[in-house]
PDB file of N, CA and C in Angstrom:
ATOM      1  N   MET A   1     -30.648  -7.042  12.752  1.00  0.00           N
ATOM      2  CA  MET A   1     -30.602  -5.980  11.779  1.00  0.00           C
ATOM      3  C   MET A   1     -29.150  -5.551  11.589  1.00  0.00           C
ATOM      4  N   CYS A   2     -28.769  -5.316  10.357  1.00  0.00           N
ATOM      5  CA  CYS A   2     -27.444  -4.791  10.033  1.00  0.00           C
ATOM      6  C   CYS A   2     -27.552  -3.281   9.884  1.00  0.00           C
ATOM      7  N   LEU A   3     -26.566  -2.584  10.406  1.00  0.00           N
ATOM      8  CA  LEU A   3     -26.612  -1.136  10.386  1.00  0.00           C
ATOM      9  C   LEU A   3     -25.199  -0.590  10.234  1.00  0.00           C
ATOM     10  N   ALA A   4     -25.049   0.411   9.400  1.00  0.00           N
ATOM     11  CA  ALA A   4     -23.777   1.112   9.260  1.00  0.00           C
ATOM     12  C   ALA A   4     -23.946   2.498   9.875  1.00  0.00           C
ATOM     13  N   ILE A   5     -22.978   2.915  10.668  1.00  0.00           N
ATOM     14  CA  ILE A   5     -23.058   4.161  11.425  1.00  0.00           C
ATOM     15  C   ILE A   5     -21.925   5.090  10.994  1.00  0.00           C
ATOM     16  N   PRO A   6     -22.211   6.395  10.838  1.00  0.00           N
ATOM     17  CA  PRO A   6     -21.127   7.324  10.516  1.00  0.00           C
ATOM     18  C   PRO A   6     -20.279   7.622  11.752  1.00  0.00           C
ATOM     19  N   GLY A   7     -18.984   7.701  11.543  1.00  0.00           N
ATOM     20  CA  GLY A   7     -18.057   8.064  12.606  1.00  0.00           C
ATOM     21  C   GLY A   7     -16.943   8.913  12.030  1.00  0.00           C
ATOM     22  N   GLN A   8     -16.217   9.583  12.915  1.00  0.00           N
ATOM     23  CA  GLN A   8     -15.144  10.477  12.481  1.00  0.00           C
ATOM     24  C   GLN A   8     -13.793   9.874  12.843  1.00  0.00           C
ATOM     25  N   VAL A   9     -12.902   9.822  11.861  1.00  0.00           N
ATOM     26  CA  VAL A   9     -11.549   9.312  12.074  1.00  0.00           C
ATOM     27  C   VAL A   9     -10.811  10.302  12.965  1.00  0.00           C
ATOM     28  N   ILE A  10     -10.306   9.807  14.101  1.00  0.00           N
ATOM     29  CA  ILE A  10      -9.598  10.717  15.010  1.00  0.00           C
ATOM     30  C   ILE A  10      -8.110  10.402  15.149  1.00  0.00           C
ATOM     31  N   ARG A  11      -7.709   9.152  14.797  1.00  0.00           N
ATOM     32  CA  ARG A  11      -6.288   8.811  14.904  1.00  0.00           C
ATOM     33  C   ARG A  11      -6.000   7.553  14.096  1.00  0.00           C
ATOM     34  N   TRP A  12      -4.984   7.644  13.255  1.00  0.00           N
ATOM     35  CA  TRP A  12      -4.542   6.469  12.519  1.00  0.00           C
ATOM     36  C   TRP A  12      -3.655   5.613  13.407  1.00  0.00           C
ATOM     37  N   ILE A  13      -3.842   4.289  13.342  1.00  0.00           N
ATOM     38  CA  ILE A  13      -2.999   3.333  14.047  1.00  0.00           C
ATOM     39  C   ILE A  13      -2.015   2.704  13.061  1.00  0.00           C
ATOM     40  N   GLN A  14      -2.539   2.255  11.909  1.00  0.00           N
ATOM     41  CA  GLN A  14      -1.760   1.579  10.869  1.00  0.00           C
ATOM     42  C   GLN A  14      -2.332   1.974   9.508  1.00  0.00           C
ATOM     43  N   ARG A  15      -1.496   2.419   8.596  1.00  0.00           N
ATOM     44  CA  ARG A  15      -1.985   2.860   7.286  1.00  0.00           C
ATOM     45  C   ARG A  15      -1.697   1.871   6.170  1.00  0.00           C
ATOM     46  N   GLU A  16      -1.025   0.778   6.457  1.00  0.00           N
ATOM     47  CA  GLU A  16      -0.652  -0.188   5.428  1.00  0.00           C
ATOM     48  C   GLU A  16      -1.810  -1.142   5.121  1.00  0.00           C
ATOM     49  N   VAL A  17      -2.246  -1.155   3.845  1.00  0.00           N
ATOM     50  CA  VAL A  17      -3.302  -2.060   3.392  1.00  0.00           C
ATOM     51  C   VAL A  17      -2.732  -3.472   3.394  1.00  0.00           C
ATOM     52  N   PRO A  18      -3.386  -4.472   3.839  1.00  0.00           N
ATOM     53  CA  PRO A  18      -4.778  -4.581   4.278  1.00  0.00           C
ATOM     54  C   PRO A  18      -4.954  -4.432   5.779  1.00  0.00           C
ATOM     55  N   PHE A  19      -3.967  -3.875   6.460  1.00  0.00           N
ATOM     56  CA  PHE A  19      -4.018  -3.803   7.917  1.00  0.00           C
ATOM     57  C   PHE A  19      -4.411  -2.430   8.435  1.00  0.00           C
ATOM     58  N   CYS A  20      -4.992  -1.597   7.584  1.00  0.00           N
ATOM     59  CA  CYS A  20      -5.356  -0.231   7.958  1.00  0.00           C
ATOM     60  C   CYS A  20      -6.284  -0.228   9.167  1.00  0.00           C
ATOM     61  N   GLU A  21      -5.852   0.476  10.210  1.00  0.00           N
ATOM     62  CA  GLU A  21      -6.681   0.628  11.401  1.00  0.00           C
ATOM     63  C   GLU A  21      -6.603   2.060  11.888  1.00  0.00           C
ATOM     64  N   ALA A  22      -7.737   2.519  12.398  1.00  0.00           N
ATOM     65  CA  ALA A  22      -7.781   3.860  12.971  1.00  0.00           C
ATOM     66  C   ALA A  22      -8.794   3.874  14.105  1.00  0.00           C
ATOM     67  N   ASP A  23      -8.643   4.838  14.989  1.00  0.00           N
ATOM     68  CA  ASP A  23      -9.654   5.078  16.007  1.00  0.00           C
ATOM     69  C   ASP A  23     -10.709   5.972  15.378  1.00  0.00           C
ATOM     70  N   VAL A  24     -11.962   5.567  15.514  1.00  0.00           N
ATOM     71  CA  VAL A  24     -13.088   6.298  14.944  1.00  0.00           C
ATOM     72  C   VAL A  24     -14.048   6.627  16.085  1.00  0.00           C
ATOM     73  N   GLN A  25     -14.511   7.880  16.101  1.00  0.00           N
ATOM     74  CA  GLN A  25     -15.404   8.335  17.165  1.00  0.00           C
ATOM     75  C   GLN A  25     -16.855   8.320  16.693  1.00  0.00           C
ATOM     76  N   PHE A  26     -17.709   7.685  17.494  1.00  0.00           N
ATOM     77  CA  PHE A  26     -19.146   7.598  17.246  1.00  0.00           C
ATOM     78  C   PHE A  26     -19.862   8.196  18.445  1.00  0.00           C
ATOM     79  N   LEU A  27     -20.426   9.385  18.300  1.00  0.00           N
ATOM     80  CA  LEU A  27     -21.190  10.001  19.384  1.00  0.00           C
ATOM     81  C   LEU A  27     -20.431  10.001  20.701  1.00  0.00           C
ATOM     82  N   GLY A  28     -19.141  10.293  20.644  1.00  0.00           N
ATOM     83  CA  GLY A  28     -18.320  10.354  21.845  1.00  0.00           C
ATOM     84  C   GLY A  28     -17.663   9.037  22.226  1.00  0.00           C
ATOM     85  N   VAL A  29     -18.061   7.946  21.616  1.00  0.00           N
ATOM     86  CA  VAL A  29     -17.472   6.633  21.873  1.00  0.00           C
ATOM     87  C   VAL A  29     -16.423   6.364  20.805  1.00  0.00           C
ATOM     88  N   VAL A  30     -15.231   5.943  21.229  1.00  0.00           N
ATOM     89  CA  VAL A  30     -14.142   5.676  20.284  1.00  0.00           C
ATOM     90  C   VAL A  30     -13.952   4.171  20.139  1.00  0.00           C
ATOM     91  N   ARG A  31     -13.888   3.724  18.891  1.00  0.00           N
ATOM     92  CA  ARG A  31     -13.670   2.312  18.572  1.00  0.00           C
ATOM     93  C   ARG A  31     -12.569   2.205  17.526  1.00  0.00           C
ATOM     94  N   ARG A  32     -11.768   1.166  17.625  1.00  0.00           N
ATOM     95  CA  ARG A  32     -10.765   0.885  16.607  1.00  0.00           C
ATOM     96  C   ARG A  32     -11.469   0.178  15.455  1.00  0.00           C
ATOM     97  N   CYS A  33     -11.262   0.663  14.230  1.00  0.00           N
ATOM     98  CA  CYS A  33     -11.937   0.124  13.049  1.00  0.00           C
ATOM     99  C   CYS A  33     -10.926  -0.168  11.951  1.00  0.00           C
ATOM    100  N   ASN A  34     -11.281  -1.101  11.099  1.00  0.00           N
ATOM    101  CA  ASN A  34     -10.474  -1.418   9.926  1.00  0.00           C
ATOM    102  C   ASN A  34     -10.846  -0.425   8.820  1.00  0.00           C
ATOM    103  N   LEU A  35      -9.850   0.224   8.229  1.00  0.00           N
ATOM    104  CA  LEU A  35     -10.092   1.204   7.164  1.00  0.00           C
ATOM    105  C   LEU A  35      -9.480   0.770   5.829  1.00  0.00           C
ATOM    106  N   SER A  36      -9.324  -0.536   5.632  1.00  0.00           N
ATOM    107  CA  SER A  36      -8.724  -1.033   4.401  1.00  0.00           C
ATOM    108  C   SER A  36      -9.515  -0.662   3.151  1.00  0.00           C
ATOM    109  N   CYS A  37     -10.817  -0.481   3.277  1.00  0.00           N
ATOM    110  CA  CYS A  37     -11.649  -0.093   2.122  1.00  0.00           C
ATOM    111  C   CYS A  37     -11.536   1.401   1.814  1.00  0.00           C
ATOM    112  N   VAL A  38     -11.049   2.172   2.765  1.00  0.00           N
ATOM    113  CA  VAL A  38     -10.915   3.626   2.579  1.00  0.00           C
ATOM    114  C   VAL A  38      -9.554   4.108   3.095  1.00  0.00           C
ATOM    115  N   PRO A  39      -8.461   3.575   2.556  1.00  0.00           N
ATOM    116  CA  PRO A  39      -7.135   3.948   3.066  1.00  0.00           C
ATOM    117  C   PRO A  39      -6.779   5.417   2.820  1.00  0.00           C
ATOM    118  N   GLU A  40      -7.551   6.070   1.957  1.00  0.00           N
ATOM    119  CA  GLU A  40      -7.314   7.499   1.676  1.00  0.00           C
ATOM    120  C   GLU A  40      -7.919   8.418   2.733  1.00  0.00           C
ATOM    121  N   ALA A  41      -8.663   7.881   3.687  1.00  0.00           N
ATOM    122  CA  ALA A  41      -9.296   8.696   4.732  1.00  0.00           C
ATOM    123  C   ALA A  41      -8.230   9.451   5.529  1.00  0.00           C
ATOM    124  N   GLN A  42      -8.579  10.670   5.907  1.00  0.00           N
ATOM    125  CA  GLN A  42      -7.693  11.524   6.688  1.00  0.00           C
ATOM    126  C   GLN A  42      -8.306  11.761   8.069  1.00  0.00           C
ATOM    127  N   ILE A  43      -7.484  12.196   8.998  1.00  0.00           N
ATOM    128  CA  ILE A  43      -7.980  12.583  10.319  1.00  0.00           C
ATOM    129  C   ILE A  43      -9.052  13.652  10.113  1.00  0.00           C
ATOM    130  N   GLY A  44     -10.199  13.475  10.766  1.00  0.00           N
ATOM    131  CA  GLY A  44     -11.308  14.426  10.637  1.00  0.00           C
ATOM    132  C   GLY A  44     -12.343  14.014   9.613  1.00  0.00           C
ATOM    133  N   ASP A  45     -11.995  13.081   8.725  1.00  0.00           N
ATOM    134  CA  ASP A  45     -12.968  12.588   7.743  1.00  0.00           C
ATOM    135  C   ASP A  45     -14.026  11.733   8.425  1.00  0.00           C
ATOM    136  N   TYR A  46     -15.197  11.706   7.829  1.00  0.00           N
ATOM    137  CA  TYR A  46     -16.273  10.823   8.288  1.00  0.00           C
ATOM    138  C   TYR A  46     -16.307   9.590   7.403  1.00  0.00           C
ATOM    139  N   VAL A  47     -16.531   8.447   8.044  1.00  0.00           N
ATOM    140  CA  VAL A  47     -16.634   7.175   7.346  1.00  0.00           C
ATOM    141  C   VAL A  47     -17.902   6.464   7.805  1.00  0.00           C
ATOM    142  N   ILE A  48     -18.418   5.606   6.952  1.00  0.00           N
ATOM    143  CA  ILE A  48     -19.541   4.744   7.309  1.00  0.00           C
ATOM    144  C   ILE A  48     -18.942   3.414   7.748  1.00  0.00           C
ATOM    145  N   VAL A  49     -19.289   2.970   8.961  1.00  0.00           N
ATOM    146  CA  VAL A  49     -18.702   1.754   9.524  1.00  0.00           C
ATOM    147  C   VAL A  49     -19.779   0.700   9.743  1.00  0.00           C
ATOM    148  N   HIS A  50     -19.508  -0.495   9.240  1.00  0.00           N
ATOM    149  CA  HIS A  50     -20.389  -1.652   9.450  1.00  0.00           C
ATOM    150  C   HIS A  50     -19.533  -2.789   9.998  1.00  0.00           C
ATOM    151  N   ALA A  51     -19.933  -3.330  11.139  1.00  0.00           N
ATOM    152  CA  ALA A  51     -19.250  -4.471  11.755  1.00  0.00           C
ATOM    153  C   ALA A  51     -17.753  -4.215  11.932  1.00  0.00           C
ATOM    154  N   GLY A  52     -17.395  -2.976  12.300  1.00  0.00           N
ATOM    155  CA  GLY A  52     -16.004  -2.647  12.563  1.00  0.00           C
ATOM    156  C   GLY A  52     -15.163  -2.320  11.350  1.00  0.00           C
ATOM    157  N   VAL A  53     -15.799  -2.280  10.178  1.00  0.00           N
ATOM    158  CA  VAL A  53     -15.077  -1.989   8.940  1.00  0.00           C
ATOM    159  C   VAL A  53     -15.650  -0.724   8.297  1.00  0.00           C
ATOM    160  N   ALA A  54     -14.788   0.260   8.052  1.00  0.00           N
ATOM    161  CA  ALA A  54     -15.217   1.468   7.338  1.00  0.00           C
ATOM    162  C   ALA A  54     -15.390   1.101   5.874  1.00  0.00           C
ATOM    163  N   ILE A  55     -16.600   1.287   5.362  1.00  0.00           N
ATOM    164  CA  ILE A  55     -16.881   0.844   3.997  1.00  0.00           C
ATOM    165  C   ILE A  55     -16.924   1.975   2.988  1.00  0.00           C
ATOM    166  N   SER A  56     -17.019   3.236   3.458  1.00  0.00           N
ATOM    167  CA  SER A  56     -16.989   4.361   2.524  1.00  0.00           C
ATOM    168  C   SER A  56     -16.758   5.663   3.274  1.00  0.00           C
ATOM    169  N   LEU A  57     -16.319   6.669   2.524  1.00  0.00           N
ATOM    170  CA  LEU A  57     -16.181   8.029   3.059  1.00  0.00           C
ATOM    171  C   LEU A  57     -17.523   8.739   2.960  1.00  0.00           C
ATOM    172  N   LEU A  58     -17.721   9.729   3.803  1.00  0.00           N
ATOM    173  CA  LEU A  58     -18.966  10.489   3.843  1.00  0.00           C
ATOM    174  C   LEU A  58     -18.625  11.921   4.202  1.00  0.00           C
ATOM    175  N   ASP A  59     -19.238  12.898   3.522  1.00  0.00           N
ATOM    176  CA  ASP A  59     -18.939  14.280   3.896  1.00  0.00           C
ATOM    177  C   ASP A  59     -19.631  14.622   5.217  1.00  0.00           C
ATOM    178  N   ALA A  60     -19.124  15.650   5.889  1.00  0.00           N
ATOM    179  CA  ALA A  60     -19.594  16.011   7.229  1.00  0.00           C
ATOM    180  C   ALA A  60     -21.088  16.320   7.273  1.00  0.00           C
ATOM    181  N   GLN A  61     -21.600  17.011   6.262  1.00  0.00           N
ATOM    182  CA  GLN A  61     -23.027  17.364   6.247  1.00  0.00           C
ATOM    183  C   GLN A  61     -23.891  16.104   6.131  1.00  0.00           C
ATOM    184  N   ALA A  62     -23.522  15.201   5.255  1.00  0.00           N
ATOM    185  CA  ALA A  62     -24.274  13.952   5.098  1.00  0.00           C
ATOM    186  C   ALA A  62     -24.195  13.112   6.368  1.00  0.00           C
ATOM    187  N   ALA A  63     -23.031  13.094   7.030  1.00  0.00           N
ATOM    188  CA  ALA A  63     -22.877  12.350   8.287  1.00  0.00           C
ATOM    189  C   ALA A  63     -23.823  12.906   9.341  1.00  0.00           C
ATOM    190  N   GLN A  64     -23.876  14.232   9.467  1.00  0.00           N
ATOM    191  CA  GLN A  64     -24.757  14.859  10.460  1.00  0.00           C
ATOM    192  C   GLN A  64     -26.222  14.561  10.164  1.00  0.00           C
ATOM    193  N   GLN A  65     -26.615  14.636   8.908  1.00  0.00           N
ATOM    194  CA  GLN A  65     -28.002  14.335   8.536  1.00  0.00           C
ATOM    195  C   GLN A  65     -28.355  12.892   8.865  1.00  0.00           C
ATOM    196  N   LEU A  66     -27.445  11.972   8.573  1.00  0.00           N
ATOM    197  CA  LEU A  66     -27.694  10.567   8.859  1.00  0.00           C
ATOM    198  C   LEU A  66     -27.801  10.322  10.366  1.00  0.00           C
ATOM    199  N   LEU A  67     -26.929  10.943  11.150  1.00  0.00           N
ATOM    200  CA  LEU A  67     -27.011  10.807  12.601  1.00  0.00           C
ATOM    201  C   LEU A  67     -28.332  11.338  13.144  1.00  0.00           C
ATOM    202  N   GLU A  68     -28.809  12.456  12.599  1.00  0.00           N
ATOM    203  CA  GLU A  68     -30.093  13.006  13.019  1.00  0.00           C
ATOM    204  C   GLU A  68     -31.232  12.051  12.676  1.00  0.00           C
ATOM    205  N   GLN A  69     -31.193  11.477  11.487  1.00  0.00           N
ATOM    206  CA  GLN A  69     -32.238  10.529  11.083  1.00  0.00           C
ATOM    207  C   GLN A  69     -32.216   9.280  11.950  1.00  0.00           C
ATOM    208  N   LEU A  70     -31.033   8.776  12.261  1.00  0.00           N
ATOM    209  CA  LEU A  70     -30.935   7.598  13.122  1.00  0.00           C
ATOM    210  C   LEU A  70     -31.430   7.911  14.535  1.00  0.00           C
ATOM    211  N   SER A  71     -31.143   9.120  15.003  1.00  0.00           N
ATOM    212  CA  SER A  71     -31.618   9.534  16.320  1.00  0.00           C
ATOM    213  C   SER A  71     -33.138   9.619  16.355  1.00  0.00           C
ATOM    214  N   GLU A  72     -33.723  10.206  15.309  1.00  0.00           N
ATOM    215  CA  GLU A  72     -35.185  10.312  15.228  1.00  0.00           C
ATOM    216  C   GLU A  72     -35.841   8.938  15.204  1.00  0.00           C
ATOM    217  N   ALA A  73     -35.175   7.981  14.583  1.00  0.00           N
ATOM    218  CA  ALA A  73     -35.714   6.619  14.502  1.00  0.00           C
ATOM    219  C   ALA A  73     -35.377   5.817  15.763  1.00  0.00           C
ATOM    220  N   GLU A  74     -34.740   6.456  16.730  1.00  0.00           N
ATOM    221  CA  GLU A  74     -34.338   5.853  18.003  1.00  0.00           C
ATOM    222  C   GLU A  74     -33.341   4.715  17.837  1.00  0.00           C
ATOM    223  N   VAL A  75     -32.643   4.700  16.724  1.00  0.00           N
ATOM    224  CA  VAL A  75     -31.609   3.696  16.505  1.00  0.00           C
ATOM    225  C   VAL A  75     -30.361   4.068  17.295  1.00  0.00           C
ATOM    226  N   ILE A  76     -30.089   5.362  17.433  1.00  0.00           N
ATOM    227  CA  ILE A  76     -28.900   5.823  18.141  1.00  0.00           C
ATOM    228  C   ILE A  76     -28.942   5.377  19.595  1.00  0.00           C
ATOM    229  N   ALA A  77     -30.088   5.419  20.235  1.00  0.00           N
ATOM    230  CA  ALA A  77     -30.190   4.986  21.628  1.00  0.00           C
ATOM    231  C   ALA A  77     -29.763   3.533  21.769  1.00  0.00           C
ATOM    232  N   GLU A  78     -30.164   2.683  20.835  1.00  0.00           N
ATOM    233  CA  GLU A  78     -29.771   1.281  20.872  1.00  0.00           C
ATOM    234  C   GLU A  78     -28.265   1.144  20.678  1.00  0.00           C
ATOM    235  N   PHE A  79     -27.716   1.900  19.738  1.00  0.00           N
ATOM    236  CA  PHE A  79     -26.288   1.822  19.428  1.00  0.00           C
ATOM    237  C   PHE A  79     -25.449   2.300  20.601  1.00  0.00           C
ATOM    238  N   SER A  80     -25.861   3.398  21.231  1.00  0.00           N
ATOM    239  CA  SER A  80     -25.058   3.993  22.290  1.00  0.00           C
ATOM    240  C   SER A  80     -25.304   3.358  23.649  1.00  0.00           C
ATOM    241  N   GLY A  81     -26.306   2.477  23.743  1.00  0.00           N
ATOM    242  CA  GLY A  81     -26.594   1.824  25.009  1.00  0.00           C
ATOM    243  C   GLY A  81     -27.562   2.597  25.883  1.00  0.00           C
ATOM    244  N   GLU A  82     -28.070   3.723  25.412  1.00  0.00           N
ATOM    245  CA  GLU A  82     -29.046   4.485  26.180  1.00  0.00           C
ATOM    246  C   GLU A  82     -30.341   3.704  26.269  1.00  0.00           C
ATOM    247  N   ASP A  83     -31.062   3.908  27.357  1.00  0.00           N
ATOM    248  CA  ASP A  83     -32.354   3.242  27.521  1.00  0.00           C
ATOM    249  C   ASP A  83     -33.432   4.172  26.981  1.00  0.00           C
ATOM    250  N   HIS A  84     -33.818   3.993  25.715  1.00  0.00           N
ATOM    251  CA  HIS A  84     -34.789   4.886  25.099  1.00  0.00           C
ATOM    252  C   HIS A  84     -36.211   4.581  25.542  1.00  0.00           C
ATOM    253  N   GLU A  85     -36.435   3.496  26.281  1.00  0.00           N
ATOM    254  CA  GLU A  85     -37.776   3.161  26.767  1.00  0.00           C
ATOM    255  C   GLU A  85     -38.204   4.091  27.896  1.00  0.00           C
ATOM    256  N   THR A  86     -37.248   4.670  28.627  1.00  0.00           N
ATOM    257  CA  THR A  86     -37.587   5.466  29.810  1.00  0.00           C
ATOM    258  C   THR A  86     -37.732   6.941  29.506  1.00  0.00           C
ATOM    259  N   ARG A  87     -37.606   7.336  28.267  1.00  0.00           N
ATOM    260  CA  ARG A  87     -37.736   8.761  27.941  1.00  0.00           C
ATOM    261  C   ARG A  87     -39.155   9.213  28.043  1.00  0.00           C
TER     262      ARG A  87
END
């Protein structure tokens, strides 16, 4: 299954297209992601990330709603490595 997850940009590494990279936080986990599709993103912005690439910007309210929906569907447990079978 392919899935895009919202994350928050916390630090820019490189802003030059096509090499745009930033650290993005997902539920407390930080990953380096390519932001070439959204070079206008600022620190604190939310982005939708698929396969390590930020594909679009997302407002904070929409990001929170999406995270809640993914959590309800137990997709977040799979993404974060939690064992949702033992709950």
